[in-house]
C-alpha atoms as a PDB file:
ATOM      1  CA  MET A   1     -11.475 -11.695 -25.558  1.00  0.00           C
ATOM      2  CA  GLN A   2     -13.617 -11.731 -22.201  1.00  0.00           C
ATOM      3  CA  THR A   3     -14.587 -15.346 -23.306  1.00  0.00           C
ATOM      4  CA  LEU A   4     -11.122 -16.342 -23.579  1.00  0.00           C
ATOM      5  CA  ARG A   5     -10.269 -15.150 -19.896  1.00  0.00           C
ATOM      6  CA  ARG A   6     -13.148 -16.763 -18.673  1.00  0.00           C
ATOM      7  CA  ARG A   7     -12.421 -20.160 -19.967  1.00  0.00           C
ATOM      8  CA  GLY A   8      -9.018 -19.970 -18.538  1.00  0.00           C
ATOM      9  CA  ALA A   9      -7.095 -19.928 -21.991  1.00  0.00           C
ATOM     10  CA  HIS A  10      -3.902 -17.832 -20.913  1.00  0.00           C
ATOM     11  CA  ARG A  11      -1.872 -19.046 -23.571  1.00  0.00           C
ATOM     12  CA  VAL A  12      -3.403 -17.510 -26.778  1.00  0.00           C
ATOM     13  CA  LEU A  13      -1.056 -16.904 -29.916  1.00  0.00           C
ATOM     14  CA  VAL A  14      -2.732 -14.604 -32.543  1.00  0.00           C
ATOM     15  CA  LEU A  15      -1.740 -14.989 -36.196  1.00  0.00           C
ATOM     16  CA  ALA A  16      -2.794 -12.552 -38.518  1.00  0.00           C
ATOM     17  CA  LYS A  17      -2.447 -11.262 -42.017  1.00  0.00           C
ATOM     18  CA  GLN A  18      -2.816  -7.464 -41.004  1.00  0.00           C
ATOM     19  CA  ALA A  19      -3.414  -5.922 -37.909  1.00  0.00           C
ATOM     20  CA  ALA A  20      -3.276  -2.184 -37.267  1.00  0.00           C
ATOM     21  CA  ARG A  21      -1.319  -0.738 -34.250  1.00  0.00           C
ATOM     22  CA  ARG A  22      -4.789  -0.093 -32.397  1.00  0.00           C
ATOM     23  CA  GLU A  23      -5.982  -3.936 -33.052  1.00  0.00           C
ATOM     24  CA  MET A  24      -2.672  -5.150 -31.674  1.00  0.00           C
ATOM     25  CA  SER A  25      -3.015  -2.766 -28.307  1.00  0.00           C
ATOM     26  CA  VAL A  26      -6.335  -4.299 -27.721  1.00  0.00           C
ATOM     27  CA  LEU A  27      -5.149  -7.896 -28.426  1.00  0.00           C
ATOM     28  CA  LEU A  28      -2.402  -7.715 -26.319  1.00  0.00           C
ATOM     29  CA  ALA A  29      -3.980  -5.671 -23.140  1.00  0.00           C
ATOM     30  CA  SER A  30      -6.774  -8.342 -23.392  1.00  0.00           C
ATOM     31  CA  GLY A  31      -4.437 -11.007 -22.294  1.00  0.00           C
ATOM     32  CA  ILE A  32      -3.007 -12.518 -25.733  1.00  0.00           C
ATOM     33  CA  ARG A  33       0.258 -13.913 -25.010  1.00  0.00           C
ATOM     34  CA  GLY A  34       1.753 -12.962 -28.514  1.00  0.00           C
ATOM     35  CA  ALA A  35       1.070 -11.622 -32.183  1.00  0.00           C
ATOM     36  CA  VAL A  36       2.424 -12.606 -35.367  1.00  0.00           C
ATOM     37  CA  VAL A  37       1.520 -10.421 -38.226  1.00  0.00           C
ATOM     38  CA  GLY A  38       2.315 -10.873 -41.647  1.00  0.00           C
ATOM     39  CA  ALA A  39       1.650  -7.623 -44.040  1.00  0.00           C
ATOM     40  CA  THR A  40       2.226  -5.157 -41.763  1.00  0.00           C
ATOM     41  CA  SER A  41       4.921  -4.775 -39.000  1.00  0.00           C
ATOM     42  CA  SER A  42       4.250  -3.299 -35.273  1.00  0.00           C
ATOM     43  CA  THR A  43       6.395  -2.617 -32.447  1.00  0.00           C
ATOM     44  CA  LEU A  44       4.302  -4.375 -30.298  1.00  0.00           C
ATOM     45  CA  THR A  45       5.284  -7.446 -32.001  1.00  0.00           C
ATOM     46  CA  ARG A  46       8.425  -9.113 -31.405  1.00  0.00           C
ATOM     47  CA  PRO A  47      10.192 -11.160 -33.759  1.00  0.00           C
ATOM     48  CA  THR A  48      10.100 -14.516 -32.561  1.00  0.00           C
ATOM     49  CA  THR A  49      12.104 -16.638 -35.174  1.00  0.00           C
ATOM     50  CA  ALA A  50      15.287 -16.802 -36.334  1.00  0.00           C
ATOM     51  CA  PRO A  51      16.829 -18.217 -39.837  1.00  0.00           C
ATOM     52  CA  ALA A  52      18.399 -20.903 -38.026  1.00  0.00           C
ATOM     53  CA  SER A  53      15.137 -22.176 -36.077  1.00  0.00           C
ATOM     54  CA  LEU A  54      13.318 -21.902 -39.488  1.00  0.00           C
ATOM     55  CA  ARG A  55      15.864 -24.541 -40.861  1.00  0.00           C
ATOM     56  CA  ALA A  56      16.079 -26.490 -37.473  1.00  0.00           C
ATOM     57  CA  ALA A  57      12.005 -27.125 -37.942  1.00  0.00           C
ATOM     58  CA  ALA A  58      12.814 -28.868 -40.783  1.00  0.00           C
ATOM     59  CA  GLU A  59      14.674 -31.613 -39.022  1.00  0.00           C
ATOM     60  CA  LEU A  60      11.944 -32.639 -36.762  1.00  0.00           C
ATOM     61  CA  THR A  61      11.035 -36.223 -36.422  1.00  0.00           C
ATOM     62  CA  ALA A  62       7.238 -37.385 -37.284  1.00  0.00           C
ATOM     63  CA  ARG A  63       6.491 -38.008 -33.414  1.00  0.00           C
ATOM     64  CA  GLU A  64       7.889 -34.339 -32.823  1.00  0.00           C
ATOM     65  CA  ILE A  65       5.517 -33.213 -35.450  1.00  0.00           C
ATOM     66  CA  GLY A  66       2.764 -34.899 -34.160  1.00  0.00           C
ATOM     67  CA  VAL A  67       3.021 -33.448 -30.722  1.00  0.00           C
ATOM     68  CA  LEU A  68       3.555 -30.363 -32.293  1.00  0.00           C
ATOM     69  CA  GLU A  69       0.239 -30.520 -33.933  1.00  0.00           C
ATOM     70  CA  LEU A  70      -1.541 -31.291 -30.691  1.00  0.00           C
ATOM     71  CA  VAL A  71       0.304 -28.283 -29.055  1.00  0.00           C
ATOM     72  CA  ALA A  72      -1.298 -26.263 -31.775  1.00  0.00           C
ATOM     73  CA  ASP A  73      -4.427 -27.341 -30.926  1.00  0.00           C
ATOM     74  CA  GLY A  74      -4.074 -26.557 -27.051  1.00  0.00           C
ATOM     75  CA  ARG A  75      -3.935 -29.611 -25.536  1.00  0.00           C
ATOM     76  CA  SER A  76      -2.034 -30.180 -22.197  1.00  0.00           C
ATOM     77  CA  ASN A  77       1.048 -32.818 -21.958  1.00  0.00           C
ATOM     78  CA  LYS A  78      -1.484 -35.174 -20.434  1.00  0.00           C
ATOM     79  CA  ARG A  79      -4.110 -35.175 -22.989  1.00  0.00           C
ATOM     80  CA  ILE A  80      -1.221 -35.406 -25.733  1.00  0.00           C
ATOM     81  CA  GLY A  81       0.092 -38.629 -24.297  1.00  0.00           C
ATOM     82  CA  GLU A  82      -3.452 -40.105 -23.845  1.00  0.00           C
ATOM     83  CA  GLU A  83      -3.871 -39.174 -27.329  1.00  0.00           C
ATOM     84  CA  LEU A  84      -0.430 -40.597 -28.730  1.00  0.00           C
ATOM     85  CA  GLY A  85      -0.670 -43.584 -26.133  1.00  0.00           C
ATOM     86  CA  LEU A  86       2.292 -41.720 -24.247  1.00  0.00           C
ATOM     87  CA  SER A  87       3.126 -40.486 -20.902  1.00  0.00           C
ATOM     88  CA  ALA A  88       3.014 -37.182 -19.910  1.00  0.00           C
ATOM     89  CA  LEU A  89       6.772 -37.267 -19.150  1.00  0.00           C
ATOM     90  CA  THR A  90       7.355 -38.531 -22.680  1.00  0.00           C
ATOM     91  CA  VAL A  91       5.611 -35.846 -24.230  1.00  0.00           C
ATOM     92  CA  LYS A  92       7.287 -33.479 -22.006  1.00  0.00           C
ATOM     93  CA  SER A  93      10.808 -34.846 -23.154  1.00  0.00           C
ATOM     94  CA  HIS A  94       9.664 -34.425 -26.731  1.00  0.00           C
ATOM     95  CA  LEU A  95       8.842 -30.724 -26.170  1.00  0.00           C
ATOM     96  CA  ALA A  96      12.139 -30.368 -24.488  1.00  0.00           C
ATOM     97  CA  ARG A  97      14.119 -31.869 -27.923  1.00  0.00           C
ATOM     98  CA  ILE A  98      11.820 -29.783 -29.666  1.00  0.00           C
ATOM     99  CA  SER A  99      12.767 -26.368 -27.727  1.00  0.00           C
ATOM    100  CA  ARG A 100      16.143 -27.342 -28.204  1.00  0.00           C
ATOM    101  CA  LYS A 101      15.959 -27.642 -31.880  1.00  0.00           C
ATOM    102  CA  LEU A 102      13.991 -24.404 -32.119  1.00  0.00           C
ATOM    103  CA  GLY A 103      15.711 -22.493 -29.865  1.00  0.00           C
ATOM    104  CA  THR A 104      12.760 -21.661 -27.466  1.00  0.00           C
ATOM    105  CA  GLY A 105      10.812 -23.299 -24.458  1.00  0.00           C
ATOM    106  CA  ASP A 106       7.501 -20.934 -25.332  1.00  0.00           C
ATOM    107  CA  ARG A 107       4.804 -23.415 -26.479  1.00  0.00           C
ATOM    108  CA  ALA A 108       3.014 -20.400 -28.976  1.00  0.00           C
ATOM    109  CA  GLU A 109       6.404 -19.611 -30.393  1.00  0.00           C
ATOM    110  CA  LEU A 110       7.148 -23.546 -30.910  1.00  0.00           C
ATOM    111  CA  VAL A 111       3.822 -23.378 -32.970  1.00  0.00           C
ATOM    112  CA  ALA A 112       4.442 -20.234 -34.498  1.00  0.00           C
ATOM    113  CA  ILE A 113       7.921 -21.246 -35.910  1.00  0.00           C
ATOM    114  CA  SER A 114       6.324 -24.498 -37.101  1.00  0.00           C
ATOM    115  CA  PHE A 115       3.773 -22.626 -38.931  1.00  0.00           C
ATOM    116  CA  ARG A 116       6.388 -20.305 -40.455  1.00  0.00           C
ATOM    117  CA  ALA A 117       8.360 -23.215 -41.730  1.00  0.00           C
ATOM    118  CA  GLY A 118       5.394 -25.085 -43.144  1.00  0.00           C
ATOM    119  CA  VAL A 119       5.799 -28.115 -40.793  1.00  0.00           C
ATOM    120  CA  LEU A 120       2.167 -27.301 -39.637  1.00  0.00           C
ATOM    121  CA  ARG A 121      -0.280 -26.330 -41.456  1.00  0.00           C
END
């Protein structure tokens, strides 16, 4: 966790099959922005998706999915634009459209919804 802080990784989402309450507390205290736990539930994790969000994820365009894949890899709008041959403003526009479809503007939550819906693997 200290390595994440040193590198300036402020927006980290943890996906885990299992996690105890104590482990979740340590992660959240270390600066992790959010966590999704599959096998066990914890009061420290907040529900991040509604069924409507999962259905909306299926309606994403190929370009939107491409942008989300790069967001999931931790890239900035500028870097995504460079890789896809787009301006950072166009990437921002794609993310705004994705956000409206999925009902959240949080990048980590967009990625989590997309993973749950099977859009990203």
